Amino acid sequence: MRALIAALLLAMVGPALAADITVTDGDTFRLGQAMYRLDGIDAPEIDQTCLDQAGDTWPCGSAARDRLRAHIGSRIVRCEDKGPDPDHKHRRIGICSIEDETTTLNEWLVREGWAIKFEPSAKGRFAAEEADARQNRRGLWSGCFAEPRDFRGWNPNGARLVGGGCQPGHQNRTRDKLFRVDTAMPPGCPIKAKLALRAIGYEGIYHLPSCGSYRRLKRANRWFCSEEDALAAGFRKALTCR
């Protein structure tokens, strides 16, 4: 039994070919059989929008995912498994890096401006990388964005707005742009979700393309790529889904 457990743990934390990697957003990917969220950082959600230097909206969540995917390319990735994600029972927490590189993917994403340090799990790490990205206006920092945790919680009034493109005195107008209910579907993420007080015990309700209510829902708060993601965000399935 002990030998079997040891073998399973070794398989979990061992290297995997990039061909076995599926990047789902800017800080989460499937590596072999395990789903990892990168430890201590927070990237924009896949359906999150930000403002660029000109104040126009752009799909920063999809961009962060694509940059991580391109950075990995066809190279081998190794992850140090830090245990289960307390917010998602089917996901692991990982410190991951490309083989033969000393900089972890966690550090790289923050340094290049595609993620921010996430306290308290960062425990003071990544402060230098974030300060450098902010000073040089890399990635998200070139414009203005809401912290991902505020976007996930759909907290427009209290959201912390950060970035070199944030305009003092225009916070309300900026929040209206960053928290919209008419954003386009991110590629490969067709599940619509709506905040709803009637979804007792949940943040809201999600609708699959096969649901009878899907076409009727015109103004979605969130988009998800999988039911697993929607459930992890606190949404329940619409009753019209069979």
Protein backbone atom coordinates (compact mmCIF):
# COMPACT_ATOMS: atom_id res chain seq x y z
CA MET A 1 0.00 0.00 0.00
CA ARG A 2 2.79 2.44 0.91
CA ALA A 3 4.57 1.69 -2.36
CA LEU A 4 1.38 2.39 -4.30
CA ILE A 5 0.83 5.72 -2.51
CA ALA A 6 4.45 6.72 -3.13
CA ALA A 7 4.10 5.90 -6.83
CA LEU A 8 0.94 7.97 -7.10
CA LEU A 9 2.58 10.94 -5.39
CA LEU A 10 5.61 10.69 -7.66
CA ALA A 11 3.39 10.68 -10.72
CA MET A 12 1.55 13.72 -9.40
CA VAL A 13 4.57 15.92 -8.81
CA GLY A 14 6.81 14.58 -11.59
CA PRO A 15 7.43 16.25 -14.95
CA ALA A 16 4.96 16.16 -17.79
CA LEU A 17 5.41 16.93 -21.45
CA ALA A 18 3.94 20.19 -22.68
CA ALA A 19 1.79 18.09 -25.01
CA ASP A 20 -0.03 16.98 -21.85
CA ILE A 21 -0.67 20.56 -20.69
CA THR A 22 -3.98 22.36 -21.16
CA VAL A 23 -3.84 26.00 -20.04
CA THR A 24 -7.31 27.08 -18.89
CA ASP A 25 -6.53 30.61 -17.70
CA GLY A 26 -3.59 32.81 -16.73
CA ASP A 27 -2.75 30.90 -13.55
CA THR A 28 -4.36 27.47 -14.00
CA PHE A 29 -3.58 24.48 -16.19
CA ARG A 30 -4.02 20.74 -16.39
CA LEU A 31 -0.70 18.90 -16.24
CA GLY A 32 -1.17 15.24 -17.04
CA GLN A 33 -3.96 14.08 -14.73
CA ALA A 34 -3.66 16.96 -12.23
CA MET A 35 -5.19 20.43 -12.39
CA TYR A 36 -2.87 23.06 -10.91
CA ARG A 37 -3.43 26.63 -9.76
CA LEU A 38 -0.15 28.50 -9.46
CA ASP A 39 0.67 29.27 -5.86
CA GLY A 40 0.68 32.82 -4.50
CA ILE A 41 -0.47 34.67 -7.64
CA ASP A 42 -3.74 35.80 -9.18
CA ALA A 43 -4.29 36.27 -12.91
CA PRO A 44 -7.40 37.81 -14.48
CA GLU A 45 -10.34 35.48 -14.97
CA ILE A 46 -10.78 34.10 -18.48
CA ASP A 47 -13.82 36.35 -19.08
CA GLN A 48 -12.34 39.44 -17.42
CA THR A 49 -11.83 42.65 -19.37
CA CYS A 50 -9.35 45.44 -18.62
CA LEU A 51 -8.66 48.89 -20.03
CA ASP A 52 -5.68 49.58 -22.26
CA GLN A 53 -3.59 52.76 -22.34
CA ALA A 54 -6.25 54.53 -24.40
CA GLY A 55 -9.03 53.58 -21.97
CA ASP A 56 -10.58 51.01 -24.32
CA THR A 57 -11.66 47.57 -23.08
CA TRP A 58 -9.71 44.48 -24.09
CA PRO A 59 -10.00 40.77 -23.13
CA CYS A 60 -7.12 40.66 -20.66
CA GLY A 61 -8.16 37.31 -19.20
CA SER A 62 -7.88 35.55 -22.55
CA ALA A 63 -4.63 37.41 -23.25
CA ALA A 64 -3.06 36.23 -19.96
CA ARG A 65 -3.99 32.64 -20.79
CA ASP A 66 -2.55 32.95 -24.30
CA ARG A 67 0.71 34.47 -23.03
CA LEU A 68 1.20 31.64 -20.55
CA ARG A 69 0.41 29.07 -23.24
CA ALA A 70 2.88 30.68 -25.67
CA HIS A 71 5.59 30.96 -23.02
CA ILE A 72 5.38 27.24 -22.24
CA GLY A 73 5.25 26.29 -25.91
CA SER A 74 6.48 22.74 -26.44
CA ARG A 75 8.78 22.68 -23.42
CA ILE A 76 8.64 20.37 -20.41
CA VAL A 77 7.04 21.68 -17.21
CA ARG A 78 7.63 20.44 -13.66
CA CYS A 79 5.40 21.25 -10.69
CA GLU A 80 6.06 21.06 -6.98
CA ASP A 81 2.74 19.98 -5.55
CA LYS A 82 1.82 22.08 -2.49
CA GLY A 83 -1.37 20.20 -1.69
CA PRO A 84 -5.09 20.60 -2.47
CA ASP A 85 -6.56 23.97 -3.34
CA PRO A 86 -8.70 25.00 -0.34
CA ASP A 87 -11.17 26.70 -2.70
CA HIS A 88 -11.47 23.90 -5.24
CA LYS A 89 -11.44 20.25 -4.19
CA HIS A 90 -10.48 18.97 -7.66
CA ARG A 91 -7.47 21.28 -8.03
CA ARG A 92 -3.92 21.29 -6.65
CA ILE A 93 -1.69 24.21 -5.66
CA GLY A 94 1.65 24.22 -7.46
CA ILE A 95 4.95 25.99 -7.87
CA CYS A 96 5.78 25.21 -11.47
CA SER A 97 8.65 25.88 -13.82
CA ILE A 98 9.87 25.04 -17.28
CA GLU A 99 12.64 22.46 -17.25
CA ASP A 100 16.14 23.96 -16.89
CA GLU A 101 14.77 27.43 -16.02
CA THR A 102 15.34 28.85 -12.54
CA THR A 103 12.45 31.31 -12.78
CA THR A 104 9.14 29.70 -11.91
CA LEU A 105 6.02 30.28 -13.96
CA ASN A 106 4.57 31.92 -10.84
CA GLU A 107 7.36 34.52 -10.83
CA TRP A 108 7.36 34.96 -14.61
CA LEU A 109 3.66 35.80 -14.79
CA VAL A 110 3.96 38.48 -12.09
CA ARG A 111 7.17 39.92 -13.53
CA GLU A 112 5.67 40.18 -17.02
CA GLY A 113 2.53 41.83 -15.65
CA TRP A 114 0.05 39.03 -16.40
CA ALA A 115 -0.70 38.28 -12.75
CA ILE A 116 -0.44 39.99 -9.38
CA LYS A 117 0.76 38.64 -6.06
CA PHE A 118 -2.08 37.08 -4.11
CA GLU A 119 -2.05 37.54 -0.36
CA PRO A 120 -2.16 35.89 2.08
CA SER A 121 -0.98 32.84 0.11
CA ALA A 122 1.93 34.77 -1.44
CA LYS A 123 3.36 35.33 2.06
CA GLY A 124 5.32 38.34 0.89
CA ARG A 125 6.70 36.68 -2.24
CA PHE A 126 6.60 38.31 -5.70
CA ALA A 127 6.63 41.86 -4.32
CA ALA A 128 9.77 42.77 -6.29
CA GLU A 129 8.42 41.21 -9.50
CA GLU A 130 5.13 43.08 -9.14
CA ALA A 131 6.84 46.39 -8.40
CA ASP A 132 9.01 45.98 -11.50
CA ALA A 133 6.03 45.15 -13.72
CA ARG A 134 4.09 48.10 -12.33
CA GLN A 135 6.97 50.55 -12.78
CA ASN A 136 7.59 49.44 -16.36
CA ARG A 137 3.87 49.13 -17.18
CA ARG A 138 4.10 45.59 -18.47
CA GLY A 139 1.05 43.55 -19.37
CA LEU A 140 -2.01 44.49 -17.33
CA TRP A 141 -0.18 47.42 -15.71
CA SER A 142 -0.10 49.40 -18.98
CA GLY A 143 -3.79 50.16 -18.52
CA CYS A 144 -6.29 49.81 -15.68
CA PHE A 145 -7.84 46.69 -14.19
CA ALA A 146 -9.81 45.43 -11.22
CA GLU A 147 -8.11 42.94 -8.95
CA PRO A 148 -9.25 39.46 -10.05
CA ARG A 149 -10.69 38.62 -6.62
CA ASP A 150 -13.05 41.61 -6.92
CA PHE A 151 -14.07 40.56 -10.42
CA ARG A 152 -14.77 36.99 -9.24
CA GLY A 153 -16.93 38.36 -6.44
CA TRP A 154 -18.57 40.87 -8.83
CA ASN A 155 -17.76 43.77 -6.53
CA PRO A 156 -17.88 46.83 -8.81
CA ASN A 157 -18.44 49.39 -6.08
CA GLY A 158 -15.64 48.19 -3.83
CA ALA A 159 -13.22 46.88 -6.45
CA ARG A 160 -9.61 48.01 -6.12
CA LEU A 161 -8.56 49.52 -9.44
CA VAL A 162 -4.86 49.32 -10.27
CA GLY A 163 -2.57 50.06 -13.19
CA GLY A 164 -0.78 52.97 -14.78
CA GLY A 165 -3.81 53.79 -16.93
CA CYS A 166 -6.29 54.33 -14.07
CA GLN A 167 -7.56 57.91 -14.17
CA PRO A 168 -8.10 59.66 -10.82
CA GLY A 169 -11.61 61.02 -10.54
CA HIS A 170 -13.02 58.59 -13.11
CA GLN A 171 -13.41 55.51 -10.91
CA ASN A 172 -17.16 55.14 -11.44
CA ARG A 173 -16.86 55.39 -15.20
CA THR A 174 -13.99 52.90 -15.15
CA ARG A 175 -15.95 50.42 -13.04
CA ASP A 176 -18.84 50.63 -15.50
CA LYS A 177 -16.44 49.53 -18.24
CA LEU A 178 -14.79 46.76 -16.24
CA PHE A 179 -17.98 45.20 -14.84
CA ARG A 180 -20.24 44.72 -17.86
CA VAL A 181 -23.07 42.32 -18.60
CA ASP A 182 -22.68 42.37 -22.38
CA THR A 183 -19.12 41.13 -22.86
CA ALA A 184 -18.45 38.75 -25.72
CA MET A 185 -17.99 35.06 -25.07
CA PRO A 186 -14.30 34.16 -24.58
CA PRO A 187 -13.24 31.55 -27.18
CA GLY A 188 -14.02 28.05 -25.94
CA CYS A 189 -15.98 29.28 -22.91
CA PRO A 190 -19.69 29.08 -23.83
CA ILE A 191 -21.27 28.71 -20.38
CA LYS A 192 -23.26 31.81 -19.37
CA ALA A 193 -23.80 32.76 -15.72
CA LYS A 194 -25.98 35.34 -14.04
CA LEU A 195 -25.86 36.61 -10.46
CA ALA A 196 -29.17 35.81 -8.78
CA LEU A 197 -30.49 36.35 -5.26
CA ARG A 198 -32.99 33.54 -5.82
CA ALA A 199 -30.13 31.05 -6.17
CA ILE A 200 -30.16 30.50 -2.41
CA GLY A 201 -26.79 29.27 -1.19
CA TYR A 202 -25.11 30.18 -4.48
CA GLU A 203 -23.75 33.31 -6.16
CA GLY A 204 -25.98 32.76 -9.15
CA ILE A 205 -27.02 30.38 -11.93
CA TYR A 206 -25.12 29.07 -14.93
CA HIS A 207 -26.64 28.05 -18.25
CA LEU A 208 -25.23 25.46 -20.66
CA PRO A 209 -25.82 25.82 -24.42
CA SER A 210 -28.18 22.83 -24.13
CA CYS A 211 -30.34 24.54 -21.48
CA GLY A 212 -33.73 25.85 -22.48
CA SER A 213 -32.89 29.18 -20.82
CA TYR A 214 -29.58 29.67 -22.63
CA ARG A 215 -30.83 31.71 -25.59
CA ARG A 216 -33.16 33.74 -23.41
CA LEU A 217 -30.30 34.96 -21.21
CA LYS A 218 -28.99 38.01 -23.07
CA ARG A 219 -26.94 39.73 -20.37
CA ALA A 220 -24.49 37.44 -18.57
CA ASN A 221 -22.32 38.53 -15.66
CA ARG A 222 -19.79 35.74 -16.18
CA TRP A 223 -18.63 33.22 -18.78
CA PHE A 224 -17.10 29.83 -17.93
CA CYS A 225 -15.24 27.23 -19.93
CA SER A 226 -16.48 24.23 -17.94
CA GLU A 227 -19.12 23.29 -15.40
CA GLU A 228 -16.29 22.58 -12.96
CA ASP A 229 -15.20 26.21 -13.18
CA ALA A 230 -18.76 27.50 -12.78
CA LEU A 231 -19.37 25.33 -9.71
CA ALA A 232 -16.04 26.38 -8.20
CA ALA A 233 -17.09 30.02 -8.61
CA GLY A 234 -20.25 29.36 -6.60
CA PHE A 235 -22.87 29.07 -9.36
CA ARG A 236 -25.49 26.33 -9.69
CA LYS A 237 -26.90 24.84 -12.88
CA ALA A 238 -30.14 26.29 -14.27
CA LEU A 239 -33.21 24.17 -13.65
CA THR A 240 -33.98 24.21 -17.38
CA CYS A 241 -30.88 22.07 -18.03
CA ARG A 242 -31.47 18.36 -18.56
